[in-house]
C-alpha atoms as a PDB file:
ATOM      1  CA  MET A   1      13.759 -18.178 -19.665  1.00  0.00           C
ATOM      2  CA  ASN A   2      12.946 -14.698 -18.328  1.00  0.00           C
ATOM      3  CA  MET A   3      13.998 -11.588 -20.206  1.00  0.00           C
ATOM      4  CA  TYR A   4      14.148  -8.695 -17.735  1.00  0.00           C
ATOM      5  CA  VAL A   5      12.934  -5.364 -19.105  1.00  0.00           C
ATOM      6  CA  GLY A   6      13.990  -2.470 -16.870  1.00  0.00           C
ATOM      7  CA  ILE A   7      11.851   0.663 -17.201  1.00  0.00           C
ATOM      8  CA  ASP A   8      12.630   3.999 -15.582  1.00  0.00           C
ATOM      9  CA  VAL A   9       9.269   5.753 -15.263  1.00  0.00           C
ATOM     10  CA  GLY A  10       9.100   9.511 -15.662  1.00  0.00           C
ATOM     11  CA  LYS A  11       6.158  11.884 -15.754  1.00  0.00           C
ATOM     12  CA  LEU A  12       6.422  12.239 -19.537  1.00  0.00           C
ATOM     13  CA  GLU A  13       8.831   9.528 -20.726  1.00  0.00           C
ATOM     14  CA  LEU A  14       9.577   5.843 -20.198  1.00  0.00           C
ATOM     15  CA  GLU A  15      13.247   4.846 -20.509  1.00  0.00           C
ATOM     16  CA  ILE A  16      13.526   1.136 -21.370  1.00  0.00           C
ATOM     17  CA  ASN A  17      16.505  -1.190 -21.083  1.00  0.00           C
ATOM     18  CA  CYS A  18      16.526  -4.808 -22.249  1.00  0.00           C
ATOM     19  CA  LYS A  19      19.592  -6.913 -23.001  1.00  0.00           C
ATOM     20  CA  ASN A  20      21.656  -3.677 -22.860  1.00  0.00           C
ATOM     21  CA  GLU A  21      19.518  -2.147 -25.616  1.00  0.00           C
ATOM     22  CA  SER A  22      17.918   1.213 -24.779  1.00  0.00           C
ATOM     23  CA  PHE A  23      14.630   2.672 -26.004  1.00  0.00           C
ATOM     24  CA  GLN A  24      12.487   5.651 -25.079  1.00  0.00           C
ATOM     25  CA  VAL A  25       8.741   6.111 -25.455  1.00  0.00           C
ATOM     26  CA  SER A  26       6.173   8.565 -24.138  1.00  0.00           C
ATOM     27  CA  ASN A  27       4.379   7.752 -20.893  1.00  0.00           C
ATOM     28  CA  ASN A  28       0.921   7.723 -22.480  1.00  0.00           C
ATOM     29  CA  GLN A  29      -1.344   5.346 -24.381  1.00  0.00           C
ATOM     30  CA  CYS A  30       0.433   5.958 -27.694  1.00  0.00           C
ATOM     31  CA  GLY A  31       3.897   5.445 -26.172  1.00  0.00           C
ATOM     32  CA  ILE A  32       2.898   2.245 -24.380  1.00  0.00           C
ATOM     33  CA  LYS A  33       1.403   0.891 -27.613  1.00  0.00           C
ATOM     34  CA  LYS A  34       4.823   1.488 -29.200  1.00  0.00           C
ATOM     35  CA  LEU A  35       6.459  -0.261 -26.217  1.00  0.00           C
ATOM     36  CA  ILE A  36       4.271  -3.336 -26.747  1.00  0.00           C
ATOM     37  CA  SER A  37       5.388  -3.413 -30.383  1.00  0.00           C
ATOM     38  CA  ILE A  38       9.036  -3.280 -29.246  1.00  0.00           C
ATOM     39  CA  LEU A  39       8.444  -6.074 -26.723  1.00  0.00           C
ATOM     40  CA  THR A  40       6.887  -8.277 -29.413  1.00  0.00           C
ATOM     41  CA  LYS A  41      10.040  -7.908 -31.540  1.00  0.00           C
ATOM     42  CA  LEU A  42      12.299  -8.616 -28.546  1.00  0.00           C
ATOM     43  CA  VAL A  43      10.358 -11.799 -27.725  1.00  0.00           C
ATOM     44  CA  ASP A  44      10.867 -13.013 -31.300  1.00  0.00           C
ATOM     45  CA  LYS A  45      14.528 -12.006 -31.266  1.00  0.00           C
ATOM     46  CA  TYR A  46      15.520 -13.632 -27.956  1.00  0.00           C
ATOM     47  CA  ASN A  47      12.820 -16.306 -27.700  1.00  0.00           C
ATOM     48  CA  ALA A  48      12.291 -15.423 -24.038  1.00  0.00           C
ATOM     49  CA  ILE A  49       9.427 -14.424 -21.738  1.00  0.00           C
ATOM     50  CA  PRO A  50       9.609 -10.699 -20.821  1.00  0.00           C
ATOM     51  CA  LEU A  51       9.206  -9.582 -17.212  1.00  0.00           C
ATOM     52  CA  ILE A  52       8.535  -5.843 -16.945  1.00  0.00           C
ATOM     53  CA  VAL A  53      10.289  -4.286 -13.935  1.00  0.00           C
ATOM     54  CA  CYS A  54       9.826  -0.691 -12.801  1.00  0.00           C
ATOM     55  CA  GLU A  55       9.908   1.327  -9.597  1.00  0.00           C
ATOM     56  CA  ALA A  56       6.902   2.582  -7.651  1.00  0.00           C
ATOM     57  CA  THR A  57       6.821   6.295  -8.469  1.00  0.00           C
ATOM     58  CA  GLY A  58       3.757   7.510  -6.599  1.00  0.00           C
ATOM     59  CA  GLY A  59       1.374   7.066  -9.517  1.00  0.00           C
ATOM     60  CA  TYR A  60       3.265   7.747 -12.748  1.00  0.00           C
ATOM     61  CA  GLU A  61       3.694   3.991 -13.237  1.00  0.00           C
ATOM     62  CA  ARG A  62      -0.042   3.193 -13.032  1.00  0.00           C
ATOM     63  CA  LEU A  63      -0.838   3.474 -16.739  1.00  0.00           C
ATOM     64  CA  LEU A  64       2.195   1.372 -17.666  1.00  0.00           C
ATOM     65  CA  VAL A  65       1.374  -1.364 -15.146  1.00  0.00           C
ATOM     66  CA  LYS A  66      -2.305  -1.436 -16.104  1.00  0.00           C
ATOM     67  CA  GLN A  67      -1.613  -1.658 -19.856  1.00  0.00           C
ATOM     68  CA  MET A  68       1.061  -4.306 -19.408  1.00  0.00           C
ATOM     69  CA  ARG A  69      -1.331  -6.489 -17.439  1.00  0.00           C
ATOM     70  CA  VAL A  70      -4.153  -5.910 -19.909  1.00  0.00           C
ATOM     71  CA  ASN A  71      -1.803  -7.165 -22.625  1.00  0.00           C
ATOM     72  CA  HIS A  72      -0.804 -10.196 -20.506  1.00  0.00           C
ATOM     73  CA  TYR A  73       2.761  -9.150 -19.664  1.00  0.00           C
ATOM     74  CA  ALA A  74       4.161 -10.099 -16.255  1.00  0.00           C
ATOM     75  CA  VAL A  75       5.029  -7.061 -14.118  1.00  0.00           C
ATOM     76  CA  HIS A  76       7.106  -6.483 -11.003  1.00  0.00           C
ATOM     77  CA  VAL A  77       6.914  -3.092  -9.255  1.00  0.00           C
ATOM     78  CA  ALA A  78      10.066  -2.722  -7.147  1.00  0.00           C
ATOM     79  CA  HIS A  79      10.424  -0.615  -4.019  1.00  0.00           C
ATOM     80  CA  PRO A  80      12.626   2.433  -4.804  1.00  0.00           C
ATOM     81  CA  ASN A  81      14.666   1.873  -1.617  1.00  0.00           C
ATOM     82  CA  LYS A  82      15.726  -1.542  -2.875  1.00  0.00           C
ATOM     83  CA  ILE A  83      16.859  -0.119  -6.214  1.00  0.00           C
ATOM     84  CA  ARG A  84      18.836   2.659  -4.483  1.00  0.00           C
ATOM     85  CA  ALA A  85      20.438   0.173  -2.091  1.00  0.00           C
ATOM     86  CA  PHE A  86      21.392  -2.009  -5.067  1.00  0.00           C
ATOM     87  CA  ALA A  87      22.957   1.018  -6.785  1.00  0.00           C
ATOM     88  CA  LYS A  88      24.992   1.814  -3.655  1.00  0.00           C
ATOM     89  CA  SER A  89      26.154  -1.804  -3.411  1.00  0.00           C
ATOM     90  CA  LYS A  90      27.563  -1.426  -6.929  1.00  0.00           C
ATOM     91  CA  GLY A  91      29.199   1.886  -6.040  1.00  0.00           C
ATOM     92  CA  LEU A  92      27.054   3.578  -8.679  1.00  0.00           C
ATOM     93  CA  LEU A  93      26.763   7.288  -7.901  1.00  0.00           C
ATOM     94  CA  ALA A  94      25.724   8.728 -11.273  1.00  0.00           C
ATOM     95  CA  LYS A  95      22.006   8.955 -11.990  1.00  0.00           C
ATOM     96  CA  THR A  96      20.306   9.459 -15.358  1.00  0.00           C
ATOM     97  CA  ASP A  97      17.199   7.910 -16.888  1.00  0.00           C
ATOM     98  CA  LYS A  98      19.303   5.549 -19.029  1.00  0.00           C
ATOM     99  CA  ILE A  99      21.470   4.529 -16.088  1.00  0.00           C
ATOM    100  CA  ASP A 100      18.382   3.947 -13.937  1.00  0.00           C
ATOM    101  CA  ALA A 101      16.678   1.769 -16.583  1.00  0.00           C
ATOM    102  CA  SER A 102      19.857  -0.318 -16.933  1.00  0.00           C
ATOM    103  CA  LEU A 103      20.173  -0.500 -13.133  1.00  0.00           C
ATOM    104  CA  ILE A 104      16.577  -1.740 -12.756  1.00  0.00           C
ATOM    105  CA  ALA A 105      17.135  -4.459 -15.377  1.00  0.00           C
ATOM    106  CA  ASP A 106      20.390  -5.476 -13.651  1.00  0.00           C
ATOM    107  CA  TYR A 107      18.657  -5.520 -10.242  1.00  0.00           C
ATOM    108  CA  ALA A 108      15.892  -7.771 -11.597  1.00  0.00           C
ATOM    109  CA  CYS A 109      18.430 -10.189 -13.087  1.00  0.00           C
ATOM    110  CA  VAL A 110      20.656 -10.379  -9.991  1.00  0.00           C
ATOM    111  CA  MET A 111      17.775 -10.630  -7.496  1.00  0.00           C
ATOM    112  CA  GLN A 112      15.764 -12.963  -9.774  1.00  0.00           C
ATOM    113  CA  VAL A 113      12.556 -11.046  -9.113  1.00  0.00           C
ATOM    114  CA  THR A 114       9.233 -12.652  -9.946  1.00  0.00           C
ATOM    115  CA  ALA A 115       5.963 -11.238 -11.262  1.00  0.00           C
ATOM    116  CA  ASP A 116       3.692  -9.567  -8.716  1.00  0.00           C
ATOM    117  CA  ASP A 117       0.429 -11.257  -7.856  1.00  0.00           C
ATOM    118  CA  TYR A 118      -2.375  -8.929  -8.846  1.00  0.00           C
ATOM    119  CA  LEU A 119      -5.069  -9.464  -6.237  1.00  0.00           C
ATOM    120  CA  LEU A 120      -7.169  -6.326  -6.721  1.00  0.00           C
ATOM    121  CA  SER A 121     -10.323  -6.305  -8.793  1.00  0.00           C
ATOM    122  CA  GLU A 122     -11.259  -3.206 -10.769  1.00  0.00           C
ATOM    123  CA  THR A 123     -13.791  -2.340  -8.051  1.00  0.00           C
ATOM    124  CA  THR A 124     -11.380  -2.642  -5.115  1.00  0.00           C
ATOM    125  CA  GLU A 125      -8.782  -0.643  -7.053  1.00  0.00           C
ATOM    126  CA  LYS A 126     -11.338   2.157  -7.532  1.00  0.00           C
ATOM    127  CA  ILE A 127     -12.287   1.966  -3.846  1.00  0.00           C
ATOM    128  CA  GLY A 128      -8.613   2.396  -2.947  1.00  0.00           C
ATOM    129  CA  GLU A 129      -8.358   5.508  -5.120  1.00  0.00           C
ATOM    130  CA  LEU A 130     -11.522   6.962  -3.554  1.00  0.00           C
ATOM    131  CA  LEU A 131     -10.200   6.297  -0.036  1.00  0.00           C
ATOM    132  CA  LYS A 132      -6.917   8.039  -0.855  1.00  0.00           C
ATOM    133  CA  ARG A 133      -8.836  11.014  -2.234  1.00  0.00           C
ATOM    134  CA  ARG A 134     -10.978  11.088   0.919  1.00  0.00           C
ATOM    135  CA  ASP A 135      -7.831  11.204   3.091  1.00  0.00           C
ATOM    136  CA  GLN A 136      -6.455  14.072   0.970  1.00  0.00           C
ATOM    137  CA  LEU A 137      -9.677  16.049   1.412  1.00  0.00           C
ATOM    138  CA  LEU A 138      -9.699  15.437   5.176  1.00  0.00           C
ATOM    139  CA  ALA A 139      -6.106  16.661   5.424  1.00  0.00           C
ATOM    140  CA  ASP A 140      -7.038  19.803   3.443  1.00  0.00           C
ATOM    141  CA  LYS A 141     -10.049  20.386   5.698  1.00  0.00           C
ATOM    142  CA  HIS A 142      -7.935  20.139   8.868  1.00  0.00           C
ATOM    143  CA  ARG A 143      -5.364  22.562   7.434  1.00  0.00           C
ATOM    144  CA  GLU A 144      -8.064  25.087   6.543  1.00  0.00           C
ATOM    145  CA  GLN A 145      -9.752  24.771   9.942  1.00  0.00           C
ATOM    146  CA  ALA A 146      -6.405  25.357  11.647  1.00  0.00           C
ATOM    147  CA  ARG A 147      -6.096  28.641   9.746  1.00  0.00           C
ATOM    148  CA  LEU A 148      -9.344  29.886  11.285  1.00  0.00           C
ATOM    149  CA  ASP A 149      -7.521  30.139  14.640  1.00  0.00           C
ATOM    150  CA  LYS A 150      -5.252  32.825  13.198  1.00  0.00           C
ATOM    151  CA  GLU A 151      -6.052  36.524  13.107  1.00  0.00           C
ATOM    152  CA  TYR A 152      -7.197  37.025   9.525  1.00  0.00           C
ATOM    153  CA  GLY A 153      -9.570  39.612   8.104  1.00  0.00           C
ATOM    154  CA  ASP A 154     -13.239  38.858   7.417  1.00  0.00           C
ATOM    155  CA  ASP A 155     -12.637  38.296   3.695  1.00  0.00           C
ATOM    156  CA  ILE A 156      -9.987  35.656   4.380  1.00  0.00           C
ATOM    157  CA  ASN A 157     -12.124  33.925   7.009  1.00  0.00           C
ATOM    158  CA  ARG A 158     -15.086  33.802   4.617  1.00  0.00           C
ATOM    159  CA  SER A 159     -12.840  32.296   1.955  1.00  0.00           C
ATOM    160  CA  ILE A 160     -11.592  29.626   4.376  1.00  0.00           C
ATOM    161  CA  GLN A 161     -15.116  28.793   5.584  1.00  0.00           C
ATOM    162  CA  SER A 162     -16.348  28.575   1.998  1.00  0.00           C
ATOM    163  CA  HIS A 163     -13.522  26.189   1.137  1.00  0.00           C
ATOM    164  CA  VAL A 164     -14.235  24.041   4.209  1.00  0.00           C
ATOM    165  CA  LYS A 165     -17.907  23.743   3.169  1.00  0.00           C
ATOM    166  CA  TRP A 166     -16.868  22.728  -0.367  1.00  0.00           C
ATOM    167  CA  ILE A 167     -14.483  20.089   1.054  1.00  0.00           C
ATOM    168  CA  GLU A 168     -17.238  18.699   3.310  1.00  0.00           C
ATOM    169  CA  LYS A 169     -19.595  18.410   0.313  1.00  0.00           C
ATOM    170  CA  GLU A 170     -16.869  16.653  -1.672  1.00  0.00           C
ATOM    171  CA  ILE A 171     -16.212  14.210   1.193  1.00  0.00           C
ATOM    172  CA  THR A 172     -19.951  13.444   1.299  1.00  0.00           C
ATOM    173  CA  ARG A 173     -19.878  12.802  -2.469  1.00  0.00           C
ATOM    174  CA  ILE A 174     -16.847  10.481  -2.083  1.00  0.00           C
ATOM    175  CA  ASP A 175     -18.681   8.605   0.716  1.00  0.00           C
ATOM    176  CA  LYS A 176     -21.670   8.038  -1.588  1.00  0.00           C
ATOM    177  CA  LEU A 177     -19.384   6.739  -4.345  1.00  0.00           C
ATOM    178  CA  LEU A 178     -17.706   4.389  -1.852  1.00  0.00           C
ATOM    179  CA  GLU A 179     -21.107   3.101  -0.781  1.00  0.00           C
ATOM    180  CA  GLU A 180     -22.102   2.485  -4.411  1.00  0.00           C
ATOM    181  CA  GLU A 181     -18.826   0.736  -5.295  1.00  0.00           C
ATOM    182  CA  SER A 182     -18.985  -1.538  -2.242  1.00  0.00           C
ATOM    183  CA  GLN A 183     -22.457  -2.927  -3.036  1.00  0.00           C
ATOM    184  CA  GLN A 184     -21.074  -5.984  -4.866  1.00  0.00           C
ATOM    185  CA  GLU A 185     -22.167  -9.172  -3.121  1.00  0.00           C
ATOM    186  CA  ALA A 186     -18.614 -10.545  -2.779  1.00  0.00           C
ATOM    187  CA  LEU A 187     -17.397  -7.302  -1.225  1.00  0.00           C
ATOM    188  CA  GLN A 188     -20.426  -6.976   1.047  1.00  0.00           C
ATOM    189  CA  SER A 189     -19.836 -10.409   2.563  1.00  0.00           C
ATOM    190  CA  GLN A 190     -16.201  -9.522   3.362  1.00  0.00           C
ATOM    191  CA  ILE A 191     -17.191  -6.139   4.806  1.00  0.00           C
ATOM    192  CA  ILE A 192     -19.788  -7.790   7.066  1.00  0.00           C
ATOM    193  CA  LEU A 193     -17.151 -10.226   8.355  1.00  0.00           C
ATOM    194  CA  LEU A 194     -14.583  -7.510   9.057  1.00  0.00           C
ATOM    195  CA  THR A 195     -17.040  -5.110  10.701  1.00  0.00           C
ATOM    196  CA  SER A 196     -18.244  -7.895  12.999  1.00  0.00           C
ATOM    197  CA  VAL A 197     -15.094  -7.108  15.009  1.00  0.00           C
ATOM    198  CA  PRO A 198     -15.798  -4.376  17.597  1.00  0.00           C
ATOM    199  CA  SER A 199     -13.801  -1.223  16.680  1.00  0.00           C
ATOM    200  CA  ILE A 200     -13.659  -2.024  12.936  1.00  0.00           C
ATOM    201  CA  GLY A 201     -15.844   0.365  10.944  1.00  0.00           C
ATOM    202  CA  ARG A 202     -16.911   0.239   7.324  1.00  0.00           C
ATOM    203  CA  LEU A 203     -14.181   2.605   6.067  1.00  0.00           C
ATOM    204  CA  THR A 204     -11.493   0.583   7.855  1.00  0.00           C
ATOM    205  CA  ALA A 205     -12.886  -2.606   6.319  1.00  0.00           C
ATOM    206  CA  LEU A 206     -12.843  -1.041   2.843  1.00  0.00           C
ATOM    207  CA  GLY A 207      -9.261   0.095   3.412  1.00  0.00           C
ATOM    208  CA  LEU A 208      -8.174  -3.416   4.396  1.00  0.00           C
ATOM    209  CA  LEU A 209      -9.753  -4.901   1.265  1.00  0.00           C
ATOM    210  CA  ALA A 210      -8.319  -2.205  -1.025  1.00  0.00           C
ATOM    211  CA  PHE A 211      -4.802  -1.834   0.404  1.00  0.00           C
ATOM    212  CA  LEU A 212      -4.237  -5.290   1.878  1.00  0.00           C
ATOM    213  CA  PRO A 213      -5.705  -7.748  -0.656  1.00  0.00           C
ATOM    214  CA  GLU A 214      -3.463 -10.474   0.806  1.00  0.00           C
ATOM    215  CA  ILE A 215      -5.666 -10.620   3.925  1.00  0.00           C
ATOM    216  CA  GLY A 216      -7.126 -14.095   4.315  1.00  0.00           C
ATOM    217  CA  GLN A 217      -4.588 -15.548   1.851  1.00  0.00           C
ATOM    218  CA  ALA A 218      -1.207 -14.840   3.465  1.00  0.00           C
ATOM    219  CA  ASN A 219      -0.164 -16.493   6.726  1.00  0.00           C
ATOM    220  CA  HIS A 220       0.111 -14.450   9.915  1.00  0.00           C
ATOM    221  CA  GLU A 221       3.876 -13.851   9.676  1.00  0.00           C
ATOM    222  CA  GLN A 222       3.681 -12.677   6.060  1.00  0.00           C
ATOM    223  CA  LEU A 223       0.773 -10.332   6.780  1.00  0.00           C
ATOM    224  CA  VAL A 224       2.453  -8.759   9.813  1.00  0.00           C
ATOM    225  CA  ALA A 225       5.588  -8.133   7.723  1.00  0.00           C
ATOM    226  CA  LEU A 226       3.559  -6.650   4.835  1.00  0.00           C
ATOM    227  CA  VAL A 227       1.892  -4.132   7.131  1.00  0.00           C
ATOM    228  CA  GLY A 228       5.156  -3.285   8.910  1.00  0.00           C
ATOM    229  CA  LEU A 229       4.233  -4.553  12.376  1.00  0.00           C
ATOM    230  CA  ALA A 230       6.961  -7.217  12.599  1.00  0.00           C
ATOM    231  CA  PRO A 231       9.519  -6.287  15.292  1.00  0.00           C
ATOM    232  CA  PHE A 232      13.172  -6.275  14.179  1.00  0.00           C
ATOM    233  CA  ASN A 233      16.072  -7.127  16.506  1.00  0.00           C
ATOM    234  CA  ARG A 234      18.957  -4.698  17.063  1.00  0.00           C
ATOM    235  CA  ASP A 235      21.571  -6.971  18.614  1.00  0.00           C
ATOM    236  CA  SER A 236      25.322  -7.044  18.111  1.00  0.00           C
ATOM    237  CA  GLY A 237      27.674  -9.167  20.203  1.00  0.00           C
ATOM    238  CA  SER A 238      26.804  -8.644  23.850  1.00  0.00           C
ATOM    239  CA  TYR A 239      24.638  -5.617  23.029  1.00  0.00           C
ATOM    240  CA  LYS A 240      20.915  -6.328  23.093  1.00  0.00           C
ATOM    241  CA  GLY A 241      18.981  -3.413  21.639  1.00  0.00           C
ATOM    242  CA  LYS A 242      15.280  -2.716  21.645  1.00  0.00           C
ATOM    243  CA  ARG A 243      13.195  -4.271  18.905  1.00  0.00           C
ATOM    244  CA  TYR A 244      11.449  -1.902  16.517  1.00  0.00           C
ATOM    245  CA  ILE A 245       8.997  -1.921  13.608  1.00  0.00           C
ATOM    246  CA  GLN A 246       9.847  -0.478  10.216  1.00  0.00           C
ATOM    247  CA  GLY A 247       8.534  -0.154   6.655  1.00  0.00           C
ATOM    248  CA  GLY A 248       5.349  -1.789   5.440  1.00  0.00           C
ATOM    249  CA  ARG A 249       2.072  -0.242   4.338  1.00  0.00           C
ATOM    250  CA  GLY A 250       1.646   2.937   6.316  1.00  0.00           C
ATOM    251  CA  ILE A 251      -1.938   3.521   5.206  1.00  0.00           C
ATOM    252  CA  ILE A 252      -2.994   0.192   6.799  1.00  0.00           C
ATOM    253  CA  ARG A 253      -0.900   0.806   9.909  1.00  0.00           C
ATOM    254  CA  LYS A 254      -2.634   4.155  10.404  1.00  0.00           C
ATOM    255  CA  ALA A 255      -6.085   2.522  10.117  1.00  0.00           C
ATOM    256  CA  LEU A 256      -5.107  -0.273  12.524  1.00  0.00           C
ATOM    257  CA  TYR A 257      -3.752   2.263  15.023  1.00  0.00           C
ATOM    258  CA  MET A 258      -7.085   4.108  15.147  1.00  0.00           C
ATOM    259  CA  ALA A 259      -8.949   0.794  15.405  1.00  0.00           C
ATOM    260  CA  ALA A 260      -6.627  -0.345  18.211  1.00  0.00           C
ATOM    261  CA  ILE A 261      -7.266   2.867  20.176  1.00  0.00           C
ATOM    262  CA  SER A 262     -11.010   2.353  19.717  1.00  0.00           C
ATOM    263  CA  SER A 263     -10.731  -1.297  20.775  1.00  0.00           C
ATOM    264  CA  LEU A 264      -9.442  -0.261  24.223  1.00  0.00           C
ATOM    265  CA  ARG A 265     -12.970   0.954  24.895  1.00  0.00           C
ATOM    266  CA  TRP A 266     -15.179  -1.271  22.748  1.00  0.00           C
ATOM    267  CA  ASN A 267     -13.354  -4.600  22.406  1.00  0.00           C
ATOM    268  CA  LYS A 268     -13.044  -6.301  25.796  1.00  0.00           C
ATOM    269  CA  PRO A 269     -10.552  -9.106  24.886  1.00  0.00           C
ATOM    270  CA  LEU A 270      -8.172  -6.649  23.210  1.00  0.00           C
ATOM    271  CA  ALA A 271      -8.595  -4.128  26.045  1.00  0.00           C
ATOM    272  CA  ASN A 272      -7.699  -6.855  28.558  1.00  0.00           C
ATOM    273  CA  PHE A 273      -4.710  -7.849  26.414  1.00  0.00           C
ATOM    274  CA  TYR A 274      -3.509  -4.233  26.448  1.00  0.00           C
ATOM    275  CA  GLN A 275      -3.909  -3.959  30.237  1.00  0.00           C
ATOM    276  CA  ARG A 276      -1.946  -7.199  30.779  1.00  0.00           C
ATOM    277  CA  LEU A 277       0.950  -5.804  28.750  1.00  0.00           C
ATOM    278  CA  ARG A 278       0.879  -2.505  30.649  1.00  0.00           C
ATOM    279  CA  SER A 279       0.792  -4.300  34.019  1.00  0.00           C
ATOM    280  CA  ARG A 280       3.958  -6.177  32.936  1.00  0.00           C
ATOM    281  CA  GLY A 281       5.717  -2.849  32.445  1.00  0.00           C
ATOM    282  CA  LYS A 282       5.398  -2.492  28.668  1.00  0.00           C
ATOM    283  CA  PRO A 283       5.345   1.143  27.459  1.00  0.00           C
ATOM    284  CA  ALA A 284       2.002   2.366  26.105  1.00  0.00           C
ATOM    285  CA  LYS A 285       3.258   2.608  22.504  1.00  0.00           C
ATOM    286  CA  VAL A 286       4.653  -0.929  22.619  1.00  0.00           C
ATOM    287  CA  ALA A 287       1.371  -2.236  24.038  1.00  0.00           C
ATOM    288  CA  ILE A 288      -0.686  -0.415  21.377  1.00  0.00           C
ATOM    289  CA  THR A 289       1.544  -1.860  18.641  1.00  0.00           C
ATOM    290  CA  ALA A 290       0.973  -5.332  20.086  1.00  0.00           C
ATOM    291  CA  VAL A 291      -2.805  -4.694  20.039  1.00  0.00           C
ATOM    292  CA  MET A 292      -2.544  -3.606  16.381  1.00  0.00           C
ATOM    293  CA  ARG A 293      -0.686  -6.825  15.578  1.00  0.00           C
ATOM    294  CA  LYS A 294      -3.216  -8.961  17.478  1.00  0.00           C
ATOM    295  CA  LEU A 295      -6.114  -7.167  15.751  1.00  0.00           C
ATOM    296  CA  LEU A 296      -4.562  -7.809  12.330  1.00  0.00           C
ATOM    297  CA  LEU A 297      -4.190 -11.526  13.097  1.00  0.00           C
ATOM    298  CA  VAL A 298      -7.812 -11.694  14.278  1.00  0.00           C
ATOM    299  CA  LEU A 299      -8.990 -10.063  11.035  1.00  0.00           C
ATOM    300  CA  ASN A 300      -6.841 -12.435   8.977  1.00  0.00           C
ATOM    301  CA  SER A 301      -8.329 -15.447  10.787  1.00  0.00           C
ATOM    302  CA  ILE A 302     -11.883 -14.184  10.248  1.00  0.00           C
ATOM    303  CA  ILE A 303     -11.385 -13.779   6.485  1.00  0.00           C
ATOM    304  CA  LYS A 304      -9.618 -17.152   6.231  1.00  0.00           C
ATOM    305  CA  ARG A 305     -12.362 -18.982   8.119  1.00  0.00           C
ATOM    306  CA  GLN A 306     -15.175 -16.882   6.595  1.00  0.00           C
ATOM    307  CA  SER A 307     -16.914 -16.716   9.955  1.00  0.00           C
ATOM    308  CA  PRO A 308     -17.614 -13.577  12.030  1.00  0.00           C
ATOM    309  CA  TRP A 309     -16.042 -12.317  15.240  1.00  0.00           C
ATOM    310  CA  GLN A 310     -16.117 -14.374  18.403  1.00  0.00           C
ATOM    311  CA  GLU A 311     -14.469 -13.282  21.650  1.00  0.00           C
ATOM    312  CA  ASN A 312     -12.360 -16.456  21.925  1.00  0.00           C
ATOM    313  CA  ILE A 313     -10.692 -15.735  18.540  1.00  0.00           C
ATOM    314  CA  CYS A 314      -8.231 -13.424  20.318  1.00  0.00           C
ATOM    315  CA  GLN A 315      -6.907 -16.348  22.340  1.00  0.00           C
ATOM    316  CA  HIS A 316      -5.931 -18.258  19.186  1.00  0.00           C
ATOM    317  CA  ALA A 317      -4.736 -15.393  16.939  1.00  0.00           C
END
């Protein structure tokens, strides 16, 4: 029998709710060690298997999740939107850490959530963190370069240029670290397979392995839904609305969009697929989204079959 442990994650504190009992510990190594001690007592008291449930908080939950898994506790990281929707369904308007911890435990019990599969190795997790940092640096570089178009004094311009040079050096350092981390034989073989597809570069391949570890294991429908490329209907009675995509992993969608744009020039089967859709009157954005979806299915097939790109793969994906 599962014992759901709801945890509201804060920057400094963890608010815990289990069987309507509340606890609070610090969000650090010492606090989590205390939490493990509490969980051990709860297991003995209720003779049940604990399932740790928390929300994704943009990073504050990482230490908790990592330590729970190291200590062999099952963990489920819930999407915040689902928790908020559950709160609204209960008519719950008040919000405190204690209320949120209780709400998360209640959500887990009602929805019968299960433990997340943890598909990332330590190396791919580090690669994901390096890729995110690289994106942050690129965004900073573009912001600084945009400032050079403004009428600033020489001192300000020198400061901006100096910062841009530092960012470029840091990006180069991140690229070297990514190259070092991706040298593992198992990773190299997957990278070679993914980059065999015209328009898929090494960074895109690393992003797929780091942020979409389900690739090659999930079926096509599951993968499309995970990325957020599954079209949703908007129909009601006689009204037939346009289908649209929503949610999913934006970081992968962004990478696939750039790869899809590149494929219009370098990947003949996908370029032809795009042109067929346009000739049938599909808007450009709809056609590009379809190319992204087709590209994702091709990549999934390649990893599943463990054989490189062939032009006829597009016909079967």
